[in-house]
Amino acid sequence: MTKLTVNNEAIEYRMDPQTPLLWALRDASNLTGAKYGCGTGSCGACTVDIDGRAVRSCQVTIAAVEGSFVTTIEGLSRERTHPVQLAMIAENVTQCGFCIPGIVMAAAVLIKANRDPSEEAIRASITNLCRCGIYPRLVEAIQRAARANRGDETLPAGPRPGIDAKDAARVVPALSPR
């Protein structure tokens, strides 16, 4: 049995210790925010925070992270109120959304370690792939999240989970019909 702390909850995985963390999270813990993209660690869709580091969960076994603290997108903020999440909404970054959980986790780790990341630092840290091409808006969103995290800016609240589509349209301008 492999013991970890996942989203502040002690977990004991009764799985082969060589199971990739991604599959333990998705299959055993039903935490499906981390996505299976490439399986080689190249795309970053499976990125989670392990002890303050952005880690591609498809590339690490549960045995390798035994005793660690793992935070997934579900544990970052259930109400979607983390500065990175709010900034992504405010800057209309998301498109298809498949890569977003991994990018949000990588960005959250970055602004925790670097309170004022430069564009170069963001581009060096966020190596996740996005087929939709969100990169131009992503840099500004992460810088905005860092400002909010420092208390230098206030971000508008985004829609809450389970919100009605019409209510969401009032909160997120991009969802409003023209």
N, C-alpha and C. Protein backbone atom coordinates (compact mmCIF):
# COMPACT_ATOMS: atom_id res chain seq x y z
N MET A 1 0.83 -1.19 0.00
CA MET A 1 0.00 0.00 0.00
C MET A 1 0.87 1.25 0.00
N THR A 2 0.48 2.19 -0.83
CA THR A 2 1.22 3.43 -0.97
C THR A 2 0.40 4.56 -0.34
N LYS A 3 1.04 5.32 0.54
CA LYS A 3 0.34 6.38 1.25
C LYS A 3 0.80 7.75 0.76
N LEU A 4 -0.18 8.59 0.46
CA LEU A 4 0.05 9.97 0.03
C LEU A 4 -0.99 10.86 0.71
N THR A 5 -0.78 12.15 0.59
CA THR A 5 -1.81 13.10 0.96
C THR A 5 -2.24 13.76 -0.34
N VAL A 6 -3.50 13.58 -0.70
CA VAL A 6 -4.03 14.12 -1.94
C VAL A 6 -5.13 15.12 -1.59
N ASN A 7 -4.93 16.36 -2.01
CA ASN A 7 -5.89 17.43 -1.72
C ASN A 7 -6.23 17.48 -0.23
N ASN A 8 -5.17 17.41 0.58
CA ASN A 8 -5.26 17.48 2.05
C ASN A 8 -5.99 16.31 2.69
N GLU A 9 -6.09 15.20 1.98
CA GLU A 9 -6.72 14.01 2.53
C GLU A 9 -5.73 12.85 2.44
N ALA A 10 -5.54 12.14 3.56
CA ALA A 10 -4.65 10.98 3.56
C ALA A 10 -5.27 9.88 2.69
N ILE A 11 -4.48 9.36 1.77
CA ILE A 11 -4.94 8.32 0.83
C ILE A 11 -3.99 7.14 0.91
N GLU A 12 -4.53 5.96 0.86
CA GLU A 12 -3.75 4.74 0.82
C GLU A 12 -4.15 3.99 -0.45
N TYR A 13 -3.26 3.96 -1.42
CA TYR A 13 -3.56 3.28 -2.67
C TYR A 13 -3.18 1.81 -2.57
N ARG A 14 -4.14 0.96 -2.81
CA ARG A 14 -3.90 -0.50 -2.84
C ARG A 14 -3.75 -0.91 -4.29
N MET A 15 -2.70 -0.40 -4.88
CA MET A 15 -2.41 -0.63 -6.30
C MET A 15 -0.94 -1.01 -6.41
N ASP A 16 -0.58 -1.51 -7.57
CA ASP A 16 0.82 -1.78 -7.84
C ASP A 16 1.59 -0.48 -7.63
N PRO A 17 2.66 -0.50 -6.83
CA PRO A 17 3.43 0.73 -6.56
C PRO A 17 4.00 1.38 -7.82
N GLN A 18 4.08 0.64 -8.92
CA GLN A 18 4.60 1.20 -10.17
C GLN A 18 3.52 1.86 -11.03
N THR A 19 2.31 1.94 -10.49
CA THR A 19 1.21 2.61 -11.20
C THR A 19 1.53 4.10 -11.32
N PRO A 20 1.39 4.65 -12.51
CA PRO A 20 1.58 6.10 -12.64
C PRO A 20 0.58 6.86 -11.76
N LEU A 21 1.05 7.93 -11.16
CA LEU A 21 0.19 8.73 -10.29
C LEU A 21 -1.07 9.17 -11.02
N LEU A 22 -0.97 9.52 -12.28
CA LEU A 22 -2.13 9.96 -13.05
C LEU A 22 -3.27 8.94 -12.96
N TRP A 23 -2.94 7.67 -13.12
CA TRP A 23 -3.99 6.64 -13.13
C TRP A 23 -4.53 6.40 -11.73
N ALA A 24 -3.70 6.53 -10.72
CA ALA A 24 -4.19 6.41 -9.35
C ALA A 24 -5.18 7.54 -9.06
N LEU A 25 -4.82 8.74 -9.46
CA LEU A 25 -5.71 9.88 -9.23
C LEU A 25 -7.02 9.73 -9.99
N ARG A 26 -6.93 9.40 -11.27
CA ARG A 26 -8.13 9.33 -12.11
C ARG A 26 -8.98 8.09 -11.79
N ASP A 27 -8.36 6.93 -11.70
CA ASP A 27 -9.12 5.68 -11.58
C ASP A 27 -9.49 5.33 -10.14
N ALA A 28 -8.58 5.52 -9.22
CA ALA A 28 -8.86 5.12 -7.84
C ALA A 28 -9.49 6.26 -7.03
N SER A 29 -9.09 7.50 -7.28
CA SER A 29 -9.60 8.62 -6.50
C SER A 29 -10.70 9.40 -7.21
N ASN A 30 -10.98 9.06 -8.46
CA ASN A 30 -12.00 9.74 -9.26
C ASN A 30 -11.74 11.24 -9.37
N LEU A 31 -10.47 11.60 -9.42
CA LEU A 31 -10.05 12.99 -9.63
C LEU A 31 -9.65 13.11 -11.09
N THR A 32 -10.59 13.47 -11.93
CA THR A 32 -10.38 13.41 -13.37
C THR A 32 -9.94 14.74 -13.99
N GLY A 33 -9.61 15.73 -13.16
CA GLY A 33 -9.15 17.01 -13.68
C GLY A 33 -7.82 16.90 -14.40
N ALA A 34 -6.90 16.10 -13.87
CA ALA A 34 -5.63 15.86 -14.55
C ALA A 34 -5.95 14.96 -15.74
N LYS A 35 -5.56 15.39 -16.93
CA LYS A 35 -5.94 14.68 -18.15
C LYS A 35 -4.80 13.82 -18.68
N TYR A 36 -5.18 12.73 -19.35
CA TYR A 36 -4.21 11.93 -20.08
C TYR A 36 -4.13 12.52 -21.48
N GLY A 37 -2.97 13.06 -21.80
CA GLY A 37 -2.80 13.66 -23.12
C GLY A 37 -1.88 12.84 -23.98
N CYS A 38 -0.60 12.79 -23.62
CA CYS A 38 0.38 12.12 -24.45
C CYS A 38 0.98 10.88 -23.80
N GLY A 39 1.00 10.83 -22.49
CA GLY A 39 1.60 9.70 -21.79
C GLY A 39 3.12 9.74 -21.74
N THR A 40 3.72 10.79 -22.29
CA THR A 40 5.18 10.90 -22.30
C THR A 40 5.69 12.08 -21.49
N GLY A 41 4.79 12.84 -20.90
CA GLY A 41 5.19 14.02 -20.13
C GLY A 41 5.43 15.24 -20.97
N SER A 42 5.15 15.16 -22.26
CA SER A 42 5.42 16.29 -23.16
C SER A 42 4.34 17.36 -23.13
N CYS A 43 3.08 16.96 -22.98
CA CYS A 43 2.00 17.94 -23.15
C CYS A 43 1.63 18.69 -21.88
N GLY A 44 1.79 18.08 -20.72
CA GLY A 44 1.49 18.75 -19.46
C GLY A 44 0.04 18.73 -19.04
N ALA A 45 -0.83 18.05 -19.77
CA ALA A 45 -2.25 18.01 -19.41
C ALA A 45 -2.47 17.34 -18.05
N CYS A 46 -1.52 16.55 -17.61
CA CYS A 46 -1.65 15.81 -16.35
C CYS A 46 -0.92 16.48 -15.18
N THR A 47 -0.51 17.73 -15.33
CA THR A 47 0.30 18.40 -14.31
C THR A 47 -0.46 18.56 -13.00
N VAL A 48 0.23 18.21 -11.91
CA VAL A 48 -0.27 18.39 -10.55
C VAL A 48 0.84 19.02 -9.72
N ASP A 49 0.49 19.50 -8.55
CA ASP A 49 1.46 20.07 -7.61
C ASP A 49 1.86 18.96 -6.64
N ILE A 50 3.13 18.61 -6.65
CA ILE A 50 3.66 17.62 -5.69
C ILE A 50 4.70 18.33 -4.85
N ASP A 51 4.37 18.54 -3.60
CA ASP A 51 5.28 19.20 -2.66
C ASP A 51 5.82 20.52 -3.20
N GLY A 52 4.94 21.29 -3.86
CA GLY A 52 5.33 22.61 -4.35
C GLY A 52 6.04 22.62 -5.69
N ARG A 53 6.00 21.50 -6.39
CA ARG A 53 6.61 21.40 -7.73
C ARG A 53 5.54 21.00 -8.74
N ALA A 54 5.57 21.60 -9.91
CA ALA A 54 4.66 21.20 -10.99
C ALA A 54 5.23 19.93 -11.62
N VAL A 55 4.47 18.84 -11.52
CA VAL A 55 4.96 17.53 -11.97
C VAL A 55 3.96 16.91 -12.94
N ARG A 56 4.47 16.32 -14.00
CA ARG A 56 3.65 15.60 -14.97
C ARG A 56 3.33 14.24 -14.35
N SER A 57 2.09 14.07 -13.93
CA SER A 57 1.71 12.88 -13.14
C SER A 57 1.74 11.59 -13.93
N CYS A 58 1.80 11.66 -15.24
CA CYS A 58 1.91 10.43 -16.04
C CYS A 58 3.32 9.86 -15.99
N GLN A 59 4.26 10.66 -15.51
CA GLN A 59 5.67 10.27 -15.52
C GLN A 59 6.23 9.87 -14.17
N VAL A 60 5.38 9.83 -13.15
CA VAL A 60 5.86 9.50 -11.81
C VAL A 60 4.96 8.40 -11.23
N THR A 61 5.58 7.43 -10.59
CA THR A 61 4.80 6.34 -10.00
C THR A 61 4.33 6.73 -8.61
N ILE A 62 3.32 6.02 -8.12
CA ILE A 62 2.84 6.33 -6.78
C ILE A 62 3.91 5.98 -5.75
N ALA A 63 4.74 4.97 -6.03
CA ALA A 63 5.83 4.63 -5.11
C ALA A 63 6.83 5.77 -5.00
N ALA A 64 7.09 6.43 -6.12
CA ALA A 64 8.08 7.52 -6.14
C ALA A 64 7.62 8.74 -5.35
N VAL A 65 6.32 8.88 -5.15
CA VAL A 65 5.81 10.06 -4.43
C VAL A 65 5.19 9.68 -3.09
N GLU A 66 5.47 8.48 -2.62
CA GLU A 66 4.93 8.06 -1.33
C GLU A 66 5.33 9.07 -0.25
N GLY A 67 4.36 9.44 0.58
CA GLY A 67 4.60 10.40 1.64
C GLY A 67 4.49 11.86 1.20
N SER A 68 4.26 12.09 -0.08
CA SER A 68 4.19 13.45 -0.61
C SER A 68 2.81 14.05 -0.45
N PHE A 69 2.77 15.38 -0.62
CA PHE A 69 1.52 16.12 -0.65
C PHE A 69 1.23 16.46 -2.11
N VAL A 70 0.11 15.97 -2.59
CA VAL A 70 -0.29 16.16 -3.99
C VAL A 70 -1.53 17.03 -4.02
N THR A 71 -1.50 18.05 -4.86
CA THR A 71 -2.68 18.89 -5.07
C THR A 71 -3.05 18.80 -6.53
N THR A 72 -4.31 18.47 -6.79
CA THR A 72 -4.83 18.42 -8.15
C THR A 72 -5.68 19.67 -8.37
N ILE A 73 -6.16 19.84 -9.59
CA ILE A 73 -7.01 20.99 -9.90
C ILE A 73 -8.24 21.00 -8.99
N GLU A 74 -8.75 19.82 -8.63
CA GLU A 74 -9.92 19.76 -7.76
C GLU A 74 -9.62 20.28 -6.36
N GLY A 75 -8.38 20.12 -5.92
CA GLY A 75 -7.98 20.56 -4.59
C GLY A 75 -7.47 21.99 -4.55
N LEU A 76 -7.20 22.57 -5.70
CA LEU A 76 -6.69 23.94 -5.74
C LEU A 76 -7.73 24.91 -5.20
N SER A 77 -8.95 24.78 -5.71
CA SER A 77 -10.06 25.61 -5.23
C SER A 77 -11.36 25.03 -5.78
N ARG A 78 -12.11 24.41 -4.92
CA ARG A 78 -13.38 23.81 -5.35
C ARG A 78 -14.35 24.86 -5.89
N GLU A 79 -14.24 26.07 -5.41
CA GLU A 79 -15.15 27.14 -5.84
C GLU A 79 -14.59 27.96 -7.00
N ARG A 80 -13.46 27.53 -7.56
CA ARG A 80 -12.82 28.23 -8.68
C ARG A 80 -12.46 29.67 -8.33
N THR A 81 -11.93 29.86 -7.12
CA THR A 81 -11.59 31.21 -6.68
C THR A 81 -10.09 31.44 -6.57
N HIS A 82 -9.29 30.50 -7.00
CA HIS A 82 -7.84 30.70 -6.99
C HIS A 82 -7.53 31.81 -8.00
N PRO A 83 -6.56 32.69 -7.70
CA PRO A 83 -6.24 33.80 -8.62
C PRO A 83 -5.95 33.35 -10.05
N VAL A 84 -5.31 32.20 -10.24
CA VAL A 84 -5.03 31.75 -11.61
C VAL A 84 -6.34 31.42 -12.32
N GLN A 85 -7.25 30.76 -11.63
CA GLN A 85 -8.53 30.42 -12.24
C GLN A 85 -9.31 31.68 -12.60
N LEU A 86 -9.36 32.62 -11.68
CA LEU A 86 -10.09 33.87 -11.93
C LEU A 86 -9.47 34.68 -13.06
N ALA A 87 -8.15 34.72 -13.11
CA ALA A 87 -7.46 35.48 -14.16
C ALA A 87 -7.67 34.83 -15.53
N MET A 88 -7.70 33.51 -15.56
CA MET A 88 -7.93 32.81 -16.84
C MET A 88 -9.33 33.15 -17.36
N ILE A 89 -10.29 33.24 -16.46
CA ILE A 89 -11.65 33.61 -16.85
C ILE A 89 -11.69 35.07 -17.29
N ALA A 90 -11.10 35.93 -16.49
CA ALA A 90 -11.13 37.37 -16.77
C ALA A 90 -10.46 37.71 -18.10
N GLU A 91 -9.42 36.98 -18.45
CA GLU A 91 -8.69 37.23 -19.71
C GLU A 91 -9.23 36.41 -20.88
N ASN A 92 -10.31 35.67 -20.65
CA ASN A 92 -10.91 34.82 -21.69
C ASN A 92 -9.87 33.90 -22.34
N VAL A 93 -9.09 33.23 -21.49
CA VAL A 93 -8.01 32.38 -21.97
C VAL A 93 -8.53 31.05 -22.51
N THR A 94 -9.41 30.43 -21.79
CA THR A 94 -9.79 29.06 -22.12
C THR A 94 -10.57 28.97 -23.43
N GLN A 95 -10.30 27.88 -24.13
CA GLN A 95 -11.06 27.58 -25.34
C GLN A 95 -11.65 26.19 -25.18
N CYS A 96 -11.00 25.16 -25.69
CA CYS A 96 -11.60 23.82 -25.56
C CYS A 96 -11.52 23.32 -24.12
N GLY A 97 -10.50 23.75 -23.38
CA GLY A 97 -10.40 23.43 -21.96
C GLY A 97 -9.63 22.19 -21.59
N PHE A 98 -9.25 21.36 -22.55
CA PHE A 98 -8.59 20.10 -22.22
C PHE A 98 -7.27 20.31 -21.48
N CYS A 99 -6.48 21.26 -21.91
CA CYS A 99 -5.16 21.49 -21.32
C CYS A 99 -5.21 22.36 -20.07
N ILE A 100 -6.31 23.03 -19.85
CA ILE A 100 -6.40 24.08 -18.83
C ILE A 100 -6.07 23.60 -17.41
N PRO A 101 -6.56 22.45 -16.94
CA PRO A 101 -6.20 22.05 -15.57
C PRO A 101 -4.69 21.95 -15.35
N GLY A 102 -3.98 21.37 -16.32
CA GLY A 102 -2.53 21.26 -16.19
C GLY A 102 -1.84 22.61 -16.21
N ILE A 103 -2.32 23.50 -17.07
CA ILE A 103 -1.74 24.84 -17.15
C ILE A 103 -2.02 25.61 -15.86
N VAL A 104 -3.23 25.52 -15.36
CA VAL A 104 -3.58 26.20 -14.10
C VAL A 104 -2.68 25.71 -12.98
N MET A 105 -2.46 24.41 -12.89
CA MET A 105 -1.62 23.87 -11.82
C MET A 105 -0.18 24.35 -11.96
N ALA A 106 0.35 24.34 -13.19
CA ALA A 106 1.72 24.82 -13.40
C ALA A 106 1.84 26.30 -13.05
N ALA A 107 0.83 27.09 -13.42
CA ALA A 107 0.84 28.52 -13.13
C ALA A 107 0.70 28.77 -11.63
N ALA A 108 -0.13 28.00 -10.95
CA ALA A 108 -0.30 28.16 -9.50
C ALA A 108 1.01 27.88 -8.76
N VAL A 109 1.72 26.85 -9.19
CA VAL A 109 3.03 26.55 -8.59
C VAL A 109 4.00 27.70 -8.87
N LEU A 110 3.97 28.21 -10.09
CA LEU A 110 4.87 29.31 -10.46
C LEU A 110 4.64 30.54 -9.58
N ILE A 111 3.40 30.99 -9.45
CA ILE A 111 3.18 32.23 -8.69
C ILE A 111 3.33 32.03 -7.19
N LYS A 112 3.29 30.78 -6.74
CA LYS A 112 3.59 30.52 -5.33
C LYS A 112 5.10 30.69 -5.09
N ALA A 113 5.90 30.31 -6.07
CA ALA A 113 7.35 30.40 -5.93
C ALA A 113 7.90 31.76 -6.36
N ASN A 114 7.21 32.42 -7.30
CA ASN A 114 7.69 33.68 -7.86
C ASN A 114 6.53 34.66 -7.83
N ARG A 115 6.56 35.58 -6.90
CA ARG A 115 5.43 36.51 -6.70
C ARG A 115 5.23 37.50 -7.84
N ASP A 116 6.25 37.68 -8.67
CA ASP A 116 6.16 38.64 -9.78
C ASP A 116 6.88 38.09 -11.00
N PRO A 117 6.33 37.05 -11.63
CA PRO A 117 7.04 36.42 -12.75
C PRO A 117 7.04 37.30 -14.00
N SER A 118 8.19 37.37 -14.63
CA SER A 118 8.32 38.09 -15.90
C SER A 118 7.73 37.23 -17.01
N GLU A 119 7.56 37.84 -18.17
CA GLU A 119 7.08 37.08 -19.33
C GLU A 119 8.03 35.92 -19.62
N GLU A 120 9.33 36.17 -19.51
CA GLU A 120 10.32 35.13 -19.78
C GLU A 120 10.19 33.98 -18.77
N ALA A 121 10.00 34.33 -17.50
CA ALA A 121 9.84 33.29 -16.47
C ALA A 121 8.59 32.47 -16.71
N ILE A 122 7.52 33.11 -17.14
CA ILE A 122 6.27 32.40 -17.43
C ILE A 122 6.48 31.45 -18.60
N ARG A 123 7.07 31.96 -19.66
CA ARG A 123 7.28 31.11 -20.85
C ARG A 123 8.21 29.94 -20.54
N ALA A 124 9.18 30.15 -19.65
CA ALA A 124 10.09 29.06 -19.28
C ALA A 124 9.42 28.04 -18.38
N SER A 125 8.49 28.48 -17.54
CA SER A 125 7.84 27.58 -16.58
C SER A 125 6.63 26.86 -17.14
N ILE A 126 5.89 27.53 -17.99
CA ILE A 126 4.66 26.94 -18.53
C ILE A 126 4.98 26.35 -19.90
N THR A 127 5.39 25.10 -19.88
CA THR A 127 5.77 24.41 -21.12
C THR A 127 4.65 23.49 -21.59
N ASN A 128 3.49 23.61 -20.99
CA ASN A 128 2.34 22.81 -21.38
C ASN A 128 1.94 23.15 -22.82
N LEU A 129 1.41 22.16 -23.51
CA LEU A 129 0.97 22.37 -24.89
C LEU A 129 -0.52 22.66 -24.92
N CYS A 130 -0.89 23.58 -25.81
CA CYS A 130 -2.30 23.92 -26.04
C CYS A 130 -2.51 23.97 -27.54
N ARG A 131 -3.35 23.10 -28.03
CA ARG A 131 -3.61 23.08 -29.48
C ARG A 131 -4.45 24.26 -29.92
N CYS A 132 -5.14 24.91 -29.00
CA CYS A 132 -5.98 26.06 -29.36
C CYS A 132 -5.16 27.35 -29.49
N GLY A 133 -3.94 27.37 -28.95
CA GLY A 133 -3.09 28.55 -29.09
C GLY A 133 -3.41 29.68 -28.14
N ILE A 134 -3.61 29.38 -26.88
CA ILE A 134 -3.98 30.40 -25.89
C ILE A 134 -2.80 31.25 -25.42
N TYR A 135 -1.60 30.97 -25.87
CA TYR A 135 -0.39 31.54 -25.32
C TYR A 135 -0.36 33.07 -25.21
N PRO A 136 -0.80 33.83 -26.21
CA PRO A 136 -0.73 35.30 -26.06
C PRO A 136 -1.52 35.81 -24.84
N ARG A 137 -2.70 35.26 -24.59
CA ARG A 137 -3.51 35.69 -23.46
C ARG A 137 -3.04 35.06 -22.15
N LEU A 138 -2.36 33.93 -22.24
CA LEU A 138 -1.93 33.20 -21.05
C LEU A 138 -0.92 33.99 -20.22
N VAL A 139 0.03 34.61 -20.87
CA VAL A 139 1.06 35.37 -20.15
C VAL A 139 0.42 36.48 -19.33
N GLU A 140 -0.48 37.25 -19.95
CA GLU A 140 -1.15 38.33 -19.21
C GLU A 140 -2.00 37.77 -18.08
N ALA A 141 -2.67 36.65 -18.31
CA ALA A 141 -3.50 36.05 -17.25
C ALA A 141 -2.65 35.65 -16.05
N ILE A 142 -1.48 35.07 -16.29
CA ILE A 142 -0.63 34.64 -15.18
C ILE A 142 -0.05 35.85 -14.46
N GLN A 143 0.33 36.88 -15.19
CA GLN A 143 0.82 38.09 -14.53
C GLN A 143 -0.29 38.74 -13.72
N ARG A 144 -1.49 38.71 -14.24
CA ARG A 144 -2.64 39.26 -13.52
C ARG A 144 -2.93 38.44 -12.26
N ALA A 145 -2.83 37.12 -12.37
CA ALA A 145 -3.03 36.24 -11.21
C ALA A 145 -1.98 36.53 -10.15
N ALA A 146 -0.75 36.76 -10.56
CA ALA A 146 0.32 37.09 -9.60
C ALA A 146 0.02 38.40 -8.89
N ARG A 147 -0.46 39.39 -9.65
CA ARG A 147 -0.82 40.68 -9.02
C ARG A 147 -1.94 40.47 -8.00
N ALA A 148 -2.93 39.69 -8.36
CA ALA A 148 -4.04 39.40 -7.44
C ALA A 148 -3.55 38.63 -6.23
N ASN A 149 -2.65 37.70 -6.45
CA ASN A 149 -2.10 36.90 -5.35
C ASN A 149 -1.33 37.78 -4.37
N ARG A 150 -0.67 38.82 -4.89
CA ARG A 150 0.07 39.76 -4.04
C ARG A 150 -0.85 40.78 -3.37
N GLY A 151 -2.09 40.88 -3.85
CA GLY A 151 -3.01 41.87 -3.32
C GLY A 151 -2.97 43.19 -4.06
N ASP A 152 -2.29 43.23 -5.21
CA ASP A 152 -2.17 44.45 -5.99
C ASP A 152 -3.34 44.67 -6.95
N GLU A 153 -4.18 43.66 -7.12
CA GLU A 153 -5.30 43.75 -8.05
C GLU A 153 -6.42 42.86 -7.52
N THR A 154 -7.63 43.25 -7.82
CA THR A 154 -8.79 42.43 -7.48
C THR A 154 -9.38 41.89 -8.77
N LEU A 155 -9.63 40.60 -8.79
CA LEU A 155 -10.21 39.97 -9.97
C LEU A 155 -11.70 39.75 -9.77
N PRO A 156 -12.47 39.91 -10.83
CA PRO A 156 -13.91 39.65 -10.70
C PRO A 156 -14.15 38.16 -10.43
N ALA A 157 -15.17 37.89 -9.66
CA ALA A 157 -15.52 36.50 -9.37
C ALA A 157 -16.06 35.85 -10.63
N GLY A 158 -15.65 34.63 -10.86
CA GLY A 158 -16.14 33.88 -12.02
C GLY A 158 -17.37 33.09 -11.65
N PRO A 159 -17.91 32.35 -12.60
CA PRO A 159 -19.09 31.53 -12.31
C PRO A 159 -18.73 30.39 -11.38
N ARG A 160 -19.64 30.05 -10.50
CA ARG A 160 -19.43 28.95 -9.56
C ARG A 160 -19.79 27.62 -10.21
N PRO A 161 -19.25 26.51 -9.71
CA PRO A 161 -19.63 25.19 -10.24
C PRO A 161 -21.13 25.00 -10.13
N GLY A 162 -21.72 24.40 -11.15
CA GLY A 162 -23.13 24.11 -11.13
C GLY A 162 -24.01 25.29 -11.48
N ILE A 163 -23.41 26.38 -11.92
CA ILE A 163 -24.18 27.57 -12.23
C ILE A 163 -24.99 27.36 -13.52
N ASP A 164 -26.16 27.93 -13.58
CA ASP A 164 -26.99 27.89 -14.77
C ASP A 164 -26.29 28.67 -15.89
N ALA A 165 -26.42 28.20 -17.12
CA ALA A 165 -25.74 28.83 -18.26
C ALA A 165 -26.11 30.30 -18.41
N LYS A 166 -27.36 30.65 -18.17
CA LYS A 166 -27.79 32.05 -18.28
C LYS A 166 -27.13 32.91 -17.21
N ASP A 167 -26.98 32.35 -16.00
CA ASP A 167 -26.30 33.08 -14.94
C ASP A 167 -24.82 33.23 -15.27
N ALA A 168 -24.23 32.19 -15.86
CA ALA A 168 -22.82 32.25 -16.24
C ALA A 168 -22.59 33.34 -17.28
N ALA A 169 -23.51 33.50 -18.20
CA ALA A 169 -23.38 34.51 -19.23
C ALA A 169 -23.34 35.91 -18.64
N ARG A 170 -24.03 36.12 -17.51
CA ARG A 170 -24.00 37.44 -16.88
C ARG A 170 -22.64 37.68 -16.20
N VAL A 171 -21.98 36.60 -15.76
CA VAL A 171 -20.72 36.73 -15.04
C VAL A 171 -19.53 36.78 -15.99
N VAL A 172 -19.58 36.02 -17.07
CA VAL A 172 -18.47 35.93 -18.02
C VAL A 172 -18.89 36.58 -19.33
N PRO A 173 -18.34 37.76 -19.63
CA PRO A 173 -18.78 38.49 -20.82
C PRO A 173 -18.69 37.68 -22.12
N ALA A 174 -17.70 36.82 -22.26
CA ALA A 174 -17.54 36.06 -23.50
C ALA A 174 -18.69 35.10 -23.74
N LEU A 175 -19.45 34.78 -22.69
CA LEU A 175 -20.57 33.86 -22.84
C LEU A 175 -21.88 34.58 -23.18
N SER A 176 -21.86 35.90 -23.14
CA SER A 176 -23.08 36.67 -23.43
C SER A 176 -23.37 36.66 -24.92
N PRO A 177 -24.63 36.43 -25.28
CA PRO A 177 -24.98 36.49 -26.70
C PRO A 177 -24.83 37.93 -27.22
N ARG A 178 -24.49 38.06 -28.45
CA ARG A 178 -24.28 39.39 -29.04
C ARG A 178 -25.60 39.99 -29.46
